[in-house]
Amino acid sequence: MAASDTKPYDDRLMRLSEILGAVHYLRELCGANEGQYWRDRMRDLMDAEGSTALRRAKLTRAFNQGYRSYSRTYNTCSPSAQTAINRFLSEGSELSDGLLKAFPN
């Protein structure tokens, strides 16, 4: 990213994007019937943080990486997939809370 396009919290933001992609795939696989809920949360994140085309591309790439990596790993909803969902939801919540506290608007 260009220097002016870089934020001090980008590593955490990219990780959150990756988690959203993984959760989007895994929750659907496990029959949560949430439709586009997690993709919509990613869209919200991009609306808030995707200030340039490059930044939006990096956020999208992280989301897609999370989605694809778990689509290669899990073909059925297993106890392991459920555990991964729970861990991602917990980590995502911690990241979100941390970002809100560290960088309030």
Protein backbone atom coordinates (compact mmCIF):
# COMPACT_ATOMS: atom_id res chain seq x y z
CA MET A 1 0.00 0.00 0.00
CA ALA A 2 1.08 3.52 -0.55
CA ALA A 3 2.17 5.27 2.62
CA SER A 4 -0.88 7.56 2.60
CA ASP A 5 -3.13 4.50 2.21
CA THR A 6 -1.65 2.62 5.17
CA LYS A 7 -3.26 2.64 8.59
CA PRO A 8 -1.62 1.50 11.84
CA TYR A 9 -4.28 -1.17 12.32
CA ASP A 10 -4.13 -2.71 8.83
CA ASP A 11 -2.77 -6.09 9.98
CA ARG A 12 -5.73 -6.50 12.32
CA LEU A 13 -8.15 -5.28 9.67
CA MET A 14 -6.84 -7.77 7.10
CA ARG A 15 -7.08 -10.58 9.65
CA LEU A 16 -10.67 -9.57 10.41
CA SER A 17 -11.45 -9.63 6.68
CA GLU A 18 -9.96 -13.11 6.39
CA ILE A 19 -12.03 -14.29 9.37
CA LEU A 20 -15.20 -12.90 7.80
CA GLY A 21 -14.50 -14.92 4.65
CA ALA A 22 -13.85 -18.12 6.58
CA VAL A 23 -16.96 -17.67 8.72
CA HIS A 24 -19.05 -16.91 5.63
CA TYR A 25 -18.03 -20.24 4.12
CA LEU A 26 -18.17 -22.35 7.28
CA ARG A 27 -21.50 -21.04 8.60
CA GLU A 28 -23.14 -21.74 5.24
CA LEU A 29 -21.56 -25.21 5.13
CA CYS A 30 -22.97 -25.93 8.58
CA GLY A 31 -26.49 -24.88 7.63
CA ALA A 32 -26.74 -21.57 9.45
CA ASN A 33 -29.02 -20.25 6.69
CA GLU A 34 -27.71 -16.72 7.15
CA GLY A 35 -27.59 -15.98 3.44
CA GLN A 36 -25.19 -13.12 2.76
CA TYR A 37 -24.93 -11.96 6.39
CA TRP A 38 -21.11 -12.28 6.67
CA ARG A 39 -20.50 -10.97 3.16
CA ASP A 40 -22.69 -7.98 4.08
CA ARG A 41 -20.55 -7.39 7.21
CA MET A 42 -17.53 -7.41 4.92
CA ARG A 43 -19.25 -4.88 2.66
CA ASP A 44 -19.84 -2.69 5.74
CA LEU A 45 -16.16 -2.96 6.61
CA MET A 46 -15.16 -2.03 3.07
CA ASP A 47 -17.53 0.93 3.06
CA ALA A 48 -15.89 2.16 6.26
CA GLU A 49 -12.26 1.33 5.42
CA GLY A 50 -11.94 0.87 1.66
CA SER A 51 -10.93 4.45 0.91
CA THR A 52 -9.02 3.60 -2.28
CA ALA A 53 -9.23 0.93 -4.98
CA LEU A 54 -5.99 -0.64 -3.72
CA ARG A 55 -7.25 -0.76 -0.15
CA ARG A 56 -10.56 -2.30 -1.26
CA ALA A 57 -8.65 -4.89 -3.30
CA LYS A 58 -6.52 -5.87 -0.30
CA LEU A 59 -9.59 -6.23 1.93
CA THR A 60 -11.35 -8.30 -0.74
CA ARG A 61 -8.29 -10.48 -1.22
CA ALA A 62 -8.14 -11.21 2.53
CA PHE A 63 -11.86 -12.11 2.63
CA ASN A 64 -11.51 -14.40 -0.39
CA GLN A 65 -8.39 -16.03 1.04
CA GLY A 66 -10.28 -16.92 4.22
CA TYR A 67 -13.20 -18.27 2.22
CA ARG A 68 -11.07 -20.33 -0.18
CA SER A 69 -8.71 -21.78 2.39
CA TYR A 70 -11.60 -23.28 4.36
CA SER A 71 -13.51 -24.40 1.28
CA ARG A 72 -10.46 -26.53 0.46
CA THR A 73 -10.29 -27.90 4.00
CA TYR A 74 -13.94 -28.65 4.77
CA ASN A 75 -16.48 -30.32 2.49
CA THR A 76 -18.94 -31.21 5.25
CA CYS A 77 -19.91 -29.67 8.55
CA SER A 78 -17.89 -31.58 11.12
CA PRO A 79 -17.13 -31.01 14.80
CA SER A 80 -13.81 -29.57 13.64
CA ALA A 81 -15.62 -27.09 11.37
CA GLN A 82 -17.87 -26.08 14.28
CA THR A 83 -14.81 -25.55 16.46
CA ALA A 84 -13.23 -23.40 13.75
CA ILE A 85 -16.41 -21.30 13.54
CA ASN A 86 -16.43 -20.73 17.30
CA ARG A 87 -12.76 -19.78 17.33
CA PHE A 88 -13.19 -17.38 14.41
CA LEU A 89 -16.24 -15.74 15.98
CA SER A 90 -14.30 -15.25 19.21
CA GLU A 91 -11.18 -13.92 17.48
CA GLY A 92 -13.24 -11.67 15.21
CA SER A 93 -15.09 -10.24 18.20
CA GLU A 94 -11.81 -9.57 20.01
CA LEU A 95 -10.32 -7.90 16.94
CA SER A 96 -13.40 -5.74 16.41
CA ASP A 97 -13.53 -4.68 20.05
CA GLY A 98 -9.80 -3.96 20.07
CA LEU A 99 -10.02 -1.86 16.92
CA LEU A 100 -12.95 0.13 18.28
CA LYS A 101 -11.11 0.85 21.54
CA ALA A 102 -7.77 1.65 19.93
CA PHE A 103 -9.09 3.76 17.07
CA PRO A 104 -12.44 5.30 18.03
CA ASN A 105 -13.99 7.65 15.49
